[in-house]
C-alpha atoms as a PDB file:
ATOM      1  CA  MET A   1      -0.094   0.278   0.189  1.00  0.00           C
ATOM      2  CA  HIS A   2       1.484   3.669  -0.564  1.00  0.00           C
ATOM      3  CA  THR A   3       0.613   6.907  -0.001  1.00  0.00           C
ATOM      4  CA  PRO A   4      -0.468   8.861  -3.177  1.00  0.00           C
ATOM      5  CA  ALA A   5       3.107  11.039  -2.896  1.00  0.00           C
ATOM      6  CA  GLU A   6       5.013   7.294  -2.864  1.00  0.00           C
ATOM      7  CA  ILE A   7       4.066   7.254  -6.161  1.00  0.00           C
ATOM      8  CA  GLY A   8       4.631  10.724  -7.433  1.00  0.00           C
ATOM      9  CA  LEU A   9       0.817  11.738  -7.397  1.00  0.00           C
ATOM     10  CA  THR A  10       1.116  15.417  -5.709  1.00  0.00           C
ATOM     11  CA  ALA A  11      -0.887  17.484  -8.083  1.00  0.00           C
ATOM     12  CA  PRO A  12      -4.308  18.937  -5.955  1.00  0.00           C
ATOM     13  CA  ASN A  13      -6.818  16.187  -6.622  1.00  0.00           C
ATOM     14  CA  ASP A  14      -4.414  13.724  -8.101  1.00  0.00           C
ATOM     15  CA  ASP A  15      -4.746  11.192  -5.090  1.00  0.00           C
ATOM     16  CA  PHE A  16      -9.194  11.009  -5.250  1.00  0.00           C
ATOM     17  CA  GLN A  17      -8.574   7.536  -5.831  1.00  0.00           C
ATOM     18  CA  ALA A  18      -6.834   7.434  -2.398  1.00  0.00           C
ATOM     19  CA  LYS A  19      -9.388   9.181  -0.914  1.00  0.00           C
ATOM     20  CA  ARG A  20     -11.858   6.820  -1.214  1.00  0.00           C
ATOM     21  CA  SER A  21     -10.149   3.957   0.158  1.00  0.00           C
ATOM     22  CA  PRO A  22     -10.278   3.011   4.389  1.00  0.00           C
ATOM     23  CA  ASP A  23      -6.607   4.059   4.651  1.00  0.00           C
ATOM     24  CA  GLU A  24      -6.689   6.471   1.887  1.00  0.00           C
ATOM     25  CA  ARG A  25      -3.338   4.670   0.163  1.00  0.00           C
ATOM     26  CA  TYR A  26      -3.101   3.109  -3.327  1.00  0.00           C
ATOM     27  CA  ARG A  27      -2.762  -1.108  -3.355  1.00  0.00           C
ATOM     28  CA  THR A  28      -0.149  -1.419  -6.226  1.00  0.00           C
ATOM     29  CA  THR A  29      -1.311  -4.165  -8.697  1.00  0.00           C
ATOM     30  CA  PRO A  30       1.351  -7.032  -8.807  1.00  0.00           C
ATOM     31  CA  LEU A  31       3.559  -7.203 -11.875  1.00  0.00           C
ATOM     32  CA  LYS A  32       1.761 -10.538 -12.189  1.00  0.00           C
ATOM     33  CA  GLY A  33      -1.975  -8.875 -12.563  1.00  0.00           C
ATOM     34  CA  LEU A  34      -0.454  -6.469 -14.933  1.00  0.00           C
ATOM     35  CA  TRP A  35      -1.959  -7.774 -18.726  1.00  0.00           C
ATOM     36  CA  SER A  36      -5.367  -7.003 -16.907  1.00  0.00           C
ATOM     37  CA  HIS A  37      -5.015  -3.334 -17.094  1.00  0.00           C
ATOM     38  CA  THR A  38      -4.271  -3.421 -21.020  1.00  0.00           C
ATOM     39  CA  LYS A  39      -7.815  -2.821 -22.371  1.00  0.00           C
ATOM     40  CA  GLY A  40      -8.807   0.440 -19.469  1.00  0.00           C
ATOM     41  CA  GLY A  41      -5.397   2.063 -19.318  1.00  0.00           C
ATOM     42  CA  PHE A  42      -2.655   1.636 -16.638  1.00  0.00           C
ATOM     43  CA  TYR A  43      -2.356   2.494 -13.326  1.00  0.00           C
ATOM     44  CA  HIS A  44      -5.313   2.715 -11.071  1.00  0.00           C
ATOM     45  CA  ASP A  45      -7.071   5.140 -12.907  1.00  0.00           C
ATOM     46  CA  GLY A  46      -6.559   4.096 -16.368  1.00  0.00           C
ATOM     47  CA  ARG A  47      -4.540   7.582 -17.080  1.00  0.00           C
ATOM     48  CA  PHE A  48      -1.518   5.725 -18.792  1.00  0.00           C
ATOM     49  CA  ALA A  49      -2.161   4.201 -22.734  1.00  0.00           C
ATOM     50  CA  MET A  50       0.644   2.560 -22.907  1.00  0.00           C
ATOM     51  CA  LEU A  51       3.507   0.869 -19.937  1.00  0.00           C
ATOM     52  CA  LEU A  52       6.208   3.441 -21.708  1.00  0.00           C
ATOM     53  CA  ASP A  53       3.933   6.224 -20.085  1.00  0.00           C
ATOM     54  CA  VAL A  54       4.210   4.078 -16.350  1.00  0.00           C
ATOM     55  CA  VAL A  55       7.774   4.282 -16.731  1.00  0.00           C
ATOM     56  CA  ASN A  56       8.178   7.479 -17.706  1.00  0.00           C
ATOM     57  CA  HIS A  57       5.678   9.117 -15.308  1.00  0.00           C
ATOM     58  CA  TYR A  58       7.784   6.566 -12.362  1.00  0.00           C
ATOM     59  CA  ASN A  59      11.487   7.792 -14.039  1.00  0.00           C
ATOM     60  CA  ASN A  60      10.194  11.550 -13.579  1.00  0.00           C
ATOM     61  CA  ASN A  61       8.168  11.697  -9.982  1.00  0.00           C
ATOM     62  CA  LEU A  62       9.170   9.542  -7.473  1.00  0.00           C
ATOM     63  CA  PRO A  63      10.013  11.852  -4.205  1.00  0.00           C
ATOM     64  CA  GLY A  64      13.788  10.811  -3.762  1.00  0.00           C
ATOM     65  CA  GLY A  65      14.418  12.375  -7.716  1.00  0.00           C
ATOM     66  CA  PRO A  66      14.143  11.267 -10.996  1.00  0.00           C
ATOM     67  CA  LEU A  67      15.476   8.064 -11.571  1.00  0.00           C
ATOM     68  CA  GLY A  68      17.475   8.746 -14.605  1.00  0.00           C
ATOM     69  CA  LEU A  69      17.031   6.424 -16.813  1.00  0.00           C
ATOM     70  CA  SER A  70      18.013   6.458 -21.063  1.00  0.00           C
ATOM     71  CA  ASP A  71      15.799   5.372 -23.095  1.00  0.00           C
ATOM     72  CA  ALA A  72      16.950   2.511 -23.800  1.00  0.00           C
ATOM     73  CA  GLU A  73      17.017   1.639 -20.508  1.00  0.00           C
ATOM     74  CA  LYS A  74      13.065   2.463 -20.262  1.00  0.00           C
ATOM     75  CA  ASN A  75      12.330   0.354 -23.255  1.00  0.00           C
ATOM     76  CA  ASP A  76      14.199  -2.844 -21.586  1.00  0.00           C
ATOM     77  CA  LEU A  77      12.197  -2.508 -18.553  1.00  0.00           C
ATOM     78  CA  VAL A  78       8.738  -2.300 -20.798  1.00  0.00           C
ATOM     79  CA  GLU A  79      10.042  -5.318 -22.616  1.00  0.00           C
ATOM     80  CA  TYR A  80      11.021  -7.414 -19.495  1.00  0.00           C
ATOM     81  CA  MET A  81       6.965  -6.268 -18.296  1.00  0.00           C
ATOM     82  CA  LYS A  82       5.287  -7.383 -21.055  1.00  0.00           C
ATOM     83  CA  SER A  83       7.553 -11.174 -20.673  1.00  0.00           C
ATOM     84  CA  LEU A  84       5.972 -11.625 -17.081  1.00  0.00           C
END
């Protein structure tokens, strides 16, 4: 379970889904269940159409600072997730 800030959601009202849960946190989908989100979009509210969009979000928005992944590393990560 993660707070909105832990997953890079810091814009006003971006935590609307978390506010609906008893502990105001998000449950991260296990990688095993990744493909259940391909139709409606990735992330808790479907805001990302492609896996690369999710990777870019985490690469740029984690509280500890940008991950600094290169384009090749991001593509490798997407391909890895697709193989699960």
